[in-house]
Amino acid sequence: PDDAIVEAQSAIKLDSLVDSPHYILGVCYMEKGMNSEAIVEFEKFLANYRDRGYIRDYKVKAEEYLAQLKKTP
């Protein structure tokens, strides 16, 4: 996840409105137990989401992950 975090952060620096790097960061942060950071990234992903066939599954998963994370104390 550390390499993926670096790459996703680099992509966001180039264009903060692109959606998929926020999803990648959310998943990586979640895997590392960084739940508050994951929530922020999934929310940014959903706010910037553009409907494209190959990324629709990401939207569904991001919504599921976000709901799960917000329930976790």
N, C-alpha and C. Protein backbone atom coordinates (compact mmCIF):
# COMPACT_ATOMS: atom_id res chain seq x y z
N PRO A 1 0.80 -1.23 0.00
CA PRO A 1 0.00 0.00 0.00
C PRO A 1 0.83 1.28 0.00
N ASP A 2 2.05 1.24 0.55
CA ASP A 2 2.85 2.47 0.63
C ASP A 2 3.19 3.03 -0.74
N ASP A 3 3.57 2.16 -1.67
CA ASP A 3 3.88 2.61 -3.03
C ASP A 3 2.63 3.16 -3.72
N ALA A 4 1.51 2.49 -3.51
CA ALA A 4 0.25 2.94 -4.11
C ALA A 4 -0.15 4.30 -3.55
N ILE A 5 0.09 4.51 -2.27
CA ILE A 5 -0.22 5.80 -1.64
C ILE A 5 0.59 6.91 -2.30
N VAL A 6 1.87 6.67 -2.48
CA VAL A 6 2.75 7.67 -3.10
C VAL A 6 2.28 7.98 -4.52
N GLU A 7 1.96 6.94 -5.28
CA GLU A 7 1.53 7.15 -6.67
C GLU A 7 0.20 7.89 -6.74
N ALA A 8 -0.75 7.51 -5.88
CA ALA A 8 -2.05 8.17 -5.89
C ALA A 8 -1.92 9.64 -5.47
N GLN A 9 -1.09 9.90 -4.47
CA GLN A 9 -0.87 11.29 -4.05
C GLN A 9 -0.24 12.11 -5.17
N SER A 10 0.66 11.50 -5.93
CA SER A 10 1.27 12.19 -7.07
C SER A 10 0.23 12.52 -8.13
N ALA A 11 -0.67 11.58 -8.39
CA ALA A 11 -1.73 11.82 -9.38
C ALA A 11 -2.65 12.95 -8.93
N ILE A 12 -2.96 12.98 -7.64
CA ILE A 12 -3.84 14.02 -7.11
C ILE A 12 -3.17 15.39 -7.19
N LYS A 13 -1.84 15.43 -7.01
CA LYS A 13 -1.13 16.71 -7.14
C LYS A 13 -1.24 17.26 -8.55
N LEU A 14 -1.30 16.36 -9.54
CA LEU A 14 -1.45 16.79 -10.93
C LEU A 14 -2.86 17.29 -11.22
N ASP A 15 -3.85 16.64 -10.61
CA ASP A 15 -5.25 17.02 -10.82
C ASP A 15 -6.07 16.53 -9.65
N SER A 16 -6.39 17.43 -8.74
CA SER A 16 -7.09 17.05 -7.51
C SER A 16 -8.54 16.65 -7.75
N LEU A 17 -9.07 16.93 -8.93
CA LEU A 17 -10.46 16.60 -9.22
C LEU A 17 -10.63 15.23 -9.88
N VAL A 18 -9.55 14.57 -10.18
CA VAL A 18 -9.65 13.23 -10.74
C VAL A 18 -10.14 12.30 -9.64
N ASP A 19 -10.99 11.34 -9.98
CA ASP A 19 -11.62 10.56 -8.93
C ASP A 19 -10.87 9.31 -8.49
N SER A 20 -10.37 8.50 -9.39
CA SER A 20 -9.83 7.19 -9.03
C SER A 20 -8.65 7.21 -8.04
N PRO A 21 -7.73 8.17 -8.07
CA PRO A 21 -6.68 8.16 -7.06
C PRO A 21 -7.23 8.32 -5.63
N HIS A 22 -8.33 9.03 -5.50
CA HIS A 22 -8.94 9.18 -4.17
C HIS A 22 -9.48 7.82 -3.70
N TYR A 23 -10.03 7.06 -4.62
CA TYR A 23 -10.50 5.72 -4.27
C TYR A 23 -9.32 4.85 -3.82
N ILE A 24 -8.25 4.88 -4.59
CA ILE A 24 -7.06 4.09 -4.27
C ILE A 24 -6.51 4.47 -2.89
N LEU A 25 -6.42 5.77 -2.63
CA LEU A 25 -5.97 6.22 -1.31
C LEU A 25 -6.90 5.73 -0.21
N GLY A 26 -8.18 5.81 -0.46
CA GLY A 26 -9.14 5.35 0.54
C GLY A 26 -8.93 3.89 0.90
N VAL A 27 -8.76 3.06 -0.11
CA VAL A 27 -8.53 1.63 0.13
C VAL A 27 -7.22 1.40 0.87
N CYS A 28 -6.17 2.08 0.45
CA CYS A 28 -4.87 1.91 1.10
C CYS A 28 -4.92 2.37 2.56
N TYR A 29 -5.53 3.52 2.80
CA TYR A 29 -5.63 4.01 4.17
C TYR A 29 -6.46 3.06 5.03
N MET A 30 -7.52 2.53 4.44
CA MET A 30 -8.36 1.60 5.18
C MET A 30 -7.56 0.35 5.56
N GLU A 31 -6.77 -0.16 4.63
CA GLU A 31 -5.94 -1.34 4.88
C GLU A 31 -4.90 -1.08 5.97
N LYS A 32 -4.46 0.17 6.08
CA LYS A 32 -3.47 0.52 7.08
C LYS A 32 -4.10 0.94 8.41
N GLY A 33 -5.44 0.87 8.49
CA GLY A 33 -6.13 1.25 9.72
C GLY A 33 -6.26 2.74 9.92
N MET A 34 -6.02 3.50 8.86
CA MET A 34 -6.12 4.96 8.92
C MET A 34 -7.53 5.36 8.49
N ASN A 35 -8.49 5.05 9.35
CA ASN A 35 -9.90 5.17 8.97
C ASN A 35 -10.36 6.59 8.70
N SER A 36 -9.94 7.56 9.49
CA SER A 36 -10.40 8.93 9.23
C SER A 36 -9.87 9.44 7.89
N GLU A 37 -8.65 9.07 7.55
CA GLU A 37 -8.09 9.46 6.25
C GLU A 37 -8.82 8.75 5.12
N ALA A 38 -9.17 7.49 5.34
CA ALA A 38 -9.91 6.72 4.32
C ALA A 38 -11.27 7.36 4.06
N ILE A 39 -11.96 7.76 5.13
CA ILE A 39 -13.27 8.41 4.97
C ILE A 39 -13.15 9.66 4.11
N VAL A 40 -12.15 10.48 4.39
CA VAL A 40 -11.95 11.71 3.61
C VAL A 40 -11.74 11.38 2.13
N GLU A 41 -10.92 10.39 1.85
CA GLU A 41 -10.63 10.06 0.45
C GLU A 41 -11.82 9.45 -0.26
N PHE A 42 -12.58 8.58 0.41
CA PHE A 42 -13.78 8.03 -0.22
C PHE A 42 -14.81 9.13 -0.48
N GLU A 43 -14.93 10.09 0.43
CA GLU A 43 -15.84 11.21 0.21
C GLU A 43 -15.39 12.07 -0.97
N LYS A 44 -14.09 12.29 -1.10
CA LYS A 44 -13.57 13.04 -2.25
C LYS A 44 -13.81 12.27 -3.55
N PHE A 45 -13.60 10.96 -3.50
CA PHE A 45 -13.86 10.13 -4.68
C PHE A 45 -15.31 10.29 -5.12
N LEU A 46 -16.24 10.15 -4.18
CA LEU A 46 -17.66 10.23 -4.52
C LEU A 46 -18.04 11.63 -4.99
N ALA A 47 -17.45 12.66 -4.41
CA ALA A 47 -17.74 14.03 -4.83
C ALA A 47 -17.24 14.31 -6.24
N ASN A 48 -16.14 13.69 -6.62
CA ASN A 48 -15.53 13.92 -7.93
C ASN A 48 -15.89 12.85 -8.96
N TYR A 49 -16.68 11.87 -8.56
CA TYR A 49 -17.00 10.72 -9.42
C TYR A 49 -17.60 11.14 -10.75
N ARG A 50 -17.04 10.58 -11.80
CA ARG A 50 -17.57 10.73 -13.15
C ARG A 50 -17.94 9.34 -13.63
N ASP A 51 -19.14 9.18 -14.11
CA ASP A 51 -19.65 7.87 -14.52
C ASP A 51 -18.91 7.36 -15.76
N ARG A 52 -18.20 6.28 -15.54
CA ARG A 52 -17.52 5.57 -16.62
C ARG A 52 -17.68 4.09 -16.32
N GLY A 53 -17.88 3.32 -17.34
CA GLY A 53 -18.18 1.90 -17.16
C GLY A 53 -17.20 1.15 -16.29
N TYR A 54 -15.92 1.38 -16.48
CA TYR A 54 -14.91 0.61 -15.76
C TYR A 54 -14.77 1.03 -14.30
N ILE A 55 -15.37 2.13 -13.91
CA ILE A 55 -15.18 2.62 -12.55
C ILE A 55 -16.48 2.56 -11.72
N ARG A 56 -17.56 2.10 -12.33
CA ARG A 56 -18.83 2.02 -11.60
C ARG A 56 -18.74 1.12 -10.37
N ASP A 57 -18.00 0.03 -10.50
CA ASP A 57 -17.82 -0.87 -9.34
C ASP A 57 -17.11 -0.16 -8.20
N TYR A 58 -16.18 0.74 -8.52
CA TYR A 58 -15.49 1.51 -7.49
C TYR A 58 -16.49 2.35 -6.70
N LYS A 59 -17.46 2.93 -7.40
CA LYS A 59 -18.46 3.78 -6.72
C LYS A 59 -19.24 2.96 -5.71
N VAL A 60 -19.69 1.78 -6.12
CA VAL A 60 -20.46 0.92 -5.23
C VAL A 60 -19.61 0.52 -4.03
N LYS A 61 -18.38 0.13 -4.28
CA LYS A 61 -17.49 -0.27 -3.18
C LYS A 61 -17.16 0.90 -2.26
N ALA A 62 -16.93 2.07 -2.83
CA ALA A 62 -16.62 3.25 -2.01
C ALA A 62 -17.78 3.58 -1.09
N GLU A 63 -19.00 3.48 -1.60
CA GLU A 63 -20.17 3.73 -0.76
C GLU A 63 -20.26 2.70 0.37
N GLU A 64 -19.98 1.43 0.04
CA GLU A 64 -20.00 0.38 1.06
C GLU A 64 -18.91 0.60 2.11
N TYR A 65 -17.70 0.89 1.66
CA TYR A 65 -16.59 1.12 2.57
C TYR A 65 -16.88 2.32 3.48
N LEU A 66 -17.39 3.37 2.88
CA LEU A 66 -17.68 4.59 3.64
C LEU A 66 -18.72 4.32 4.73
N ALA A 67 -19.77 3.61 4.38
CA ALA A 67 -20.80 3.28 5.38
C ALA A 67 -20.20 2.42 6.50
N GLN A 68 -19.37 1.48 6.11
CA GLN A 68 -18.71 0.60 7.09
C GLN A 68 -17.80 1.40 8.02
N LEU A 69 -16.99 2.27 7.44
CA LEU A 69 -16.05 3.06 8.23
C LEU A 69 -16.76 4.02 9.18
N LYS A 70 -17.87 4.57 8.73
CA LYS A 70 -18.58 5.52 9.58
C LYS A 70 -19.29 4.83 10.75
N LYS A 71 -19.53 3.53 10.62
CA LYS A 71 -20.12 2.76 11.72
C LYS A 71 -19.08 2.30 12.73
N THR A 72 -17.82 2.24 12.29
CA THR A 72 -16.74 1.77 13.15
C THR A 72 -16.39 2.84 14.17
N PRO A 73 -16.38 2.48 15.45
CA PRO A 73 -16.05 3.49 16.47
C PRO A 73 -14.60 3.92 16.42
